[in-house]
C-alpha atoms as a PDB file:
ATOM      1  CA  MET A   1      -0.386  -0.003   0.274  1.00  0.00           C
ATOM      2  CA  SER A   2       1.365   3.451  -1.036  1.00  0.00           C
ATOM      3  CA  VAL A   3       2.021   5.683   2.181  1.00  0.00           C
ATOM      4  CA  GLY A   4       2.173   9.862   1.859  1.00  0.00           C
ATOM      5  CA  LYS A   5       1.278  12.274  -1.709  1.00  0.00           C
ATOM      6  CA  ASP A   6       1.232   8.001  -3.308  1.00  0.00           C
ATOM      7  CA  SER A   7      -1.537   7.409  -1.370  1.00  0.00           C
ATOM      8  CA  LYS A   8      -4.537   6.362  -3.581  1.00  0.00           C
ATOM      9  CA  TYR A   9      -6.639   6.931  -0.261  1.00  0.00           C
ATOM     10  CA  ILE A  10      -7.475   9.119   2.715  1.00  0.00           C
ATOM     11  CA  LYS A  11      -8.762   9.257   5.840  1.00  0.00           C
ATOM     12  CA  LEU A  12     -10.914  12.047   7.318  1.00  0.00           C
ATOM     13  CA  ILE A  13     -11.674  12.203  10.850  1.00  0.00           C
ATOM     14  CA  ALA A  14     -14.906  13.549  11.847  1.00  0.00           C
ATOM     15  CA  GLU A  15     -15.032  15.123  15.793  1.00  0.00           C
ATOM     16  CA  ASP A  16     -16.346  12.341  16.660  1.00  0.00           C
ATOM     17  CA  GLY A  17     -14.462   9.661  15.328  1.00  0.00           C
ATOM     18  CA  HIS A  18     -16.547   8.453  12.231  1.00  0.00           C
ATOM     19  CA  VAL A  19     -13.385   7.558   9.924  1.00  0.00           C
ATOM     20  CA  PHE A  20     -14.861   7.863   5.710  1.00  0.00           C
ATOM     21  CA  TYR A  21     -12.181   6.394   3.263  1.00  0.00           C
ATOM     22  CA  ILE A  22     -12.014   8.737   0.226  1.00  0.00           C
ATOM     23  CA  LYS A  23      -9.834   8.532  -2.954  1.00  0.00           C
ATOM     24  CA  ARG A  24      -6.838  10.849  -3.190  1.00  0.00           C
ATOM     25  CA  SER A  25      -8.472  12.231  -6.245  1.00  0.00           C
ATOM     26  CA  VAL A  26     -11.820  12.870  -5.130  1.00  0.00           C
ATOM     27  CA  ALA A  27     -10.965  14.380  -2.575  1.00  0.00           C
ATOM     28  CA  LEU A  28      -9.026  16.807  -4.826  1.00  0.00           C
ATOM     29  CA  VAL A  29     -12.427  19.053  -6.013  1.00  0.00           C
ATOM     30  CA  SER A  30     -11.585  20.737  -1.943  1.00  0.00           C
ATOM     31  CA  GLY A  31      -9.605  23.783  -2.423  1.00  0.00           C
ATOM     32  CA  THR A  32      -9.250  23.274   1.282  1.00  0.00           C
ATOM     33  CA  LEU A  33      -8.245  19.648   0.837  1.00  0.00           C
ATOM     34  CA  LYS A  34      -5.774  20.017  -1.778  1.00  0.00           C
ATOM     35  CA  ALA A  35      -3.650  22.209   0.155  1.00  0.00           C
ATOM     36  CA  MET A  36      -3.677  20.584   3.516  1.00  0.00           C
ATOM     37  CA  LEU A  37      -2.469  16.855   1.237  1.00  0.00           C
ATOM     38  CA  SER A  38       0.273  19.336  -1.231  1.00  0.00           C
ATOM     39  CA  GLY A  39       1.677  20.865   1.995  1.00  0.00           C
ATOM     40  CA  PRO A  40       3.453  19.734   5.035  1.00  0.00           C
ATOM     41  CA  SER A  41       1.818  17.757   7.340  1.00  0.00           C
ATOM     42  CA  GLU A  42       2.474  19.359  10.492  1.00  0.00           C
ATOM     43  CA  SER A  43       0.351  22.301   9.088  1.00  0.00           C
ATOM     44  CA  TRP A  44      -3.127  20.199   9.682  1.00  0.00           C
ATOM     45  CA  THR A  45      -2.547  17.495  11.599  1.00  0.00           C
ATOM     46  CA  GLU A  46      -1.286  16.563  15.200  1.00  0.00           C
ATOM     47  CA  THR A  47       0.701  12.727  13.357  1.00  0.00           C
ATOM     48  CA  GLN A  48       2.844  12.635  10.664  1.00  0.00           C
ATOM     49  CA  ASP A  49       0.531  10.313   8.995  1.00  0.00           C
ATOM     50  CA  GLN A  50      -0.053  12.602   4.930  1.00  0.00           C
ATOM     51  CA  ASN A  51      -3.003  10.457   4.964  1.00  0.00           C
ATOM     52  CA  LYS A  52      -5.370  12.189   7.158  1.00  0.00           C
ATOM     53  CA  ILE A  53      -6.928  14.743   8.406  1.00  0.00           C
ATOM     54  CA  VAL A  54      -8.608  15.050  11.688  1.00  0.00           C
ATOM     55  CA  PHE A  55     -11.908  17.500  11.714  1.00  0.00           C
ATOM     56  CA  LYS A  56     -13.124  18.830  15.131  1.00  0.00           C
ATOM     57  CA  ALA A  57     -15.434  20.770  14.438  1.00  0.00           C
ATOM     58  CA  ILE A  58     -16.982  18.968  11.590  1.00  0.00           C
ATOM     59  CA  PRO A  59     -19.518  15.734  12.767  1.00  0.00           C
ATOM     60  CA  SER A  60     -19.939  12.763  11.176  1.00  0.00           C
ATOM     61  CA  HIS A  61     -23.476  13.086   9.787  1.00  0.00           C
ATOM     62  CA  VAL A  62     -22.075  16.562   7.903  1.00  0.00           C
ATOM     63  CA  LEU A  63     -18.934  15.015   6.660  1.00  0.00           C
ATOM     64  CA  ALA A  64     -20.858  11.986   5.123  1.00  0.00           C
ATOM     65  CA  ARG A  65     -22.603  14.513   2.870  1.00  0.00           C
ATOM     66  CA  VAL A  66     -19.715  16.614   2.467  1.00  0.00           C
ATOM     67  CA  CYS A  67     -17.733  13.209   1.200  1.00  0.00           C
ATOM     68  CA  ASP A  68     -21.222  12.379  -0.691  1.00  0.00           C
ATOM     69  CA  TYR A  69     -20.818  16.039  -2.965  1.00  0.00           C
ATOM     70  CA  PHE A  70     -16.921  14.953  -3.739  1.00  0.00           C
ATOM     71  CA  ASN A  71     -18.037  12.450  -5.588  1.00  0.00           C
ATOM     72  CA  TYR A  72     -20.648  13.766  -7.008  1.00  0.00           C
ATOM     73  CA  LYS A  73     -18.145  17.755  -8.312  1.00  0.00           C
ATOM     74  CA  ALA A  74     -15.469  14.925  -9.139  1.00  0.00           C
ATOM     75  CA  LYS A  75     -18.370  12.754 -11.305  1.00  0.00           C
ATOM     76  CA  TYR A  76     -19.915  15.625 -13.331  1.00  0.00           C
ATOM     77  CA  THR A  77     -16.409  18.043 -13.775  1.00  0.00           C
ATOM     78  CA  ASN A  78     -16.311  18.117 -17.103  1.00  0.00           C
ATOM     79  CA  THR A  79     -19.520  16.013 -18.067  1.00  0.00           C
ATOM     80  CA  THR A  80     -21.579  17.173 -21.778  1.00  0.00           C
ATOM     81  CA  SER A  81     -24.436  15.552 -19.423  1.00  0.00           C
ATOM     82  CA  GLU A  82     -27.949  16.969 -17.334  1.00  0.00           C
ATOM     83  CA  ILE A  83     -26.232  16.895 -14.116  1.00  0.00           C
ATOM     84  CA  PRO A  84     -28.091  16.454 -11.708  1.00  0.00           C
ATOM     85  CA  GLU A  85     -29.350  17.955  -9.280  1.00  0.00           C
ATOM     86  CA  PHE A  86     -27.441  17.328  -5.500  1.00  0.00           C
ATOM     87  CA  PRO A  87     -30.062  17.085  -2.672  1.00  0.00           C
ATOM     88  CA  VAL A  88     -29.732  18.405   1.028  1.00  0.00           C
ATOM     89  CA  ASP A  89     -31.764  17.978   4.078  1.00  0.00           C
ATOM     90  CA  PRO A  90     -33.340  21.877   4.683  1.00  0.00           C
ATOM     91  CA  ASP A  91     -32.997  20.381   8.358  1.00  0.00           C
ATOM     92  CA  MET A  92     -29.169  20.126   7.688  1.00  0.00           C
ATOM     93  CA  ALA A  93     -28.593  22.602   5.043  1.00  0.00           C
ATOM     94  CA  LEU A  94     -26.795  25.447   6.964  1.00  0.00           C
ATOM     95  CA  GLU A  95     -24.266  22.528   8.973  1.00  0.00           C
ATOM     96  CA  VAL A  96     -23.748  21.273   5.355  1.00  0.00           C
ATOM     97  CA  LEU A  97     -22.716  24.770   3.945  1.00  0.00           C
ATOM     98  CA  MET A  98     -20.293  26.350   7.209  1.00  0.00           C
ATOM     99  CA  ALA A  99     -18.348  22.674   6.201  1.00  0.00           C
ATOM    100  CA  ALA A 100     -18.176  22.997   1.744  1.00  0.00           C
ATOM    101  CA  ASN A 101     -17.690  26.908   2.868  1.00  0.00           C
ATOM    102  CA  PHE A 102     -14.490  26.102   4.779  1.00  0.00           C
ATOM    103  CA  LEU A 103     -13.241  22.673   2.607  1.00  0.00           C
ATOM    104  CA  ASP A 104     -14.128  25.601  -0.725  1.00  0.00           C
ATOM    105  CA  CYS A 105     -15.754  23.214  -2.275  1.00  0.00           C
END
């Protein structure tokens, strides 16, 4: 298994400890994650693991939806077909918007 910047997957950890594994290429649709993954790891995590990002202010139900959006955006960027709507539950819309704003996606 590759490590560091050659790894195919990264680990995102929500504030409640839930772990999400996503493809590194999909995570790069986020400007914030792209900067974190390309810069020195000491600036954004307590560990030396370049494949792990801990979010202390994003709960798992929001991070799950954000990961769904990463896949959606990666799939439909530069497509010529009709792009379906990306639904967000109104009860969590503000939380998702705040996370999306932080993650620059």
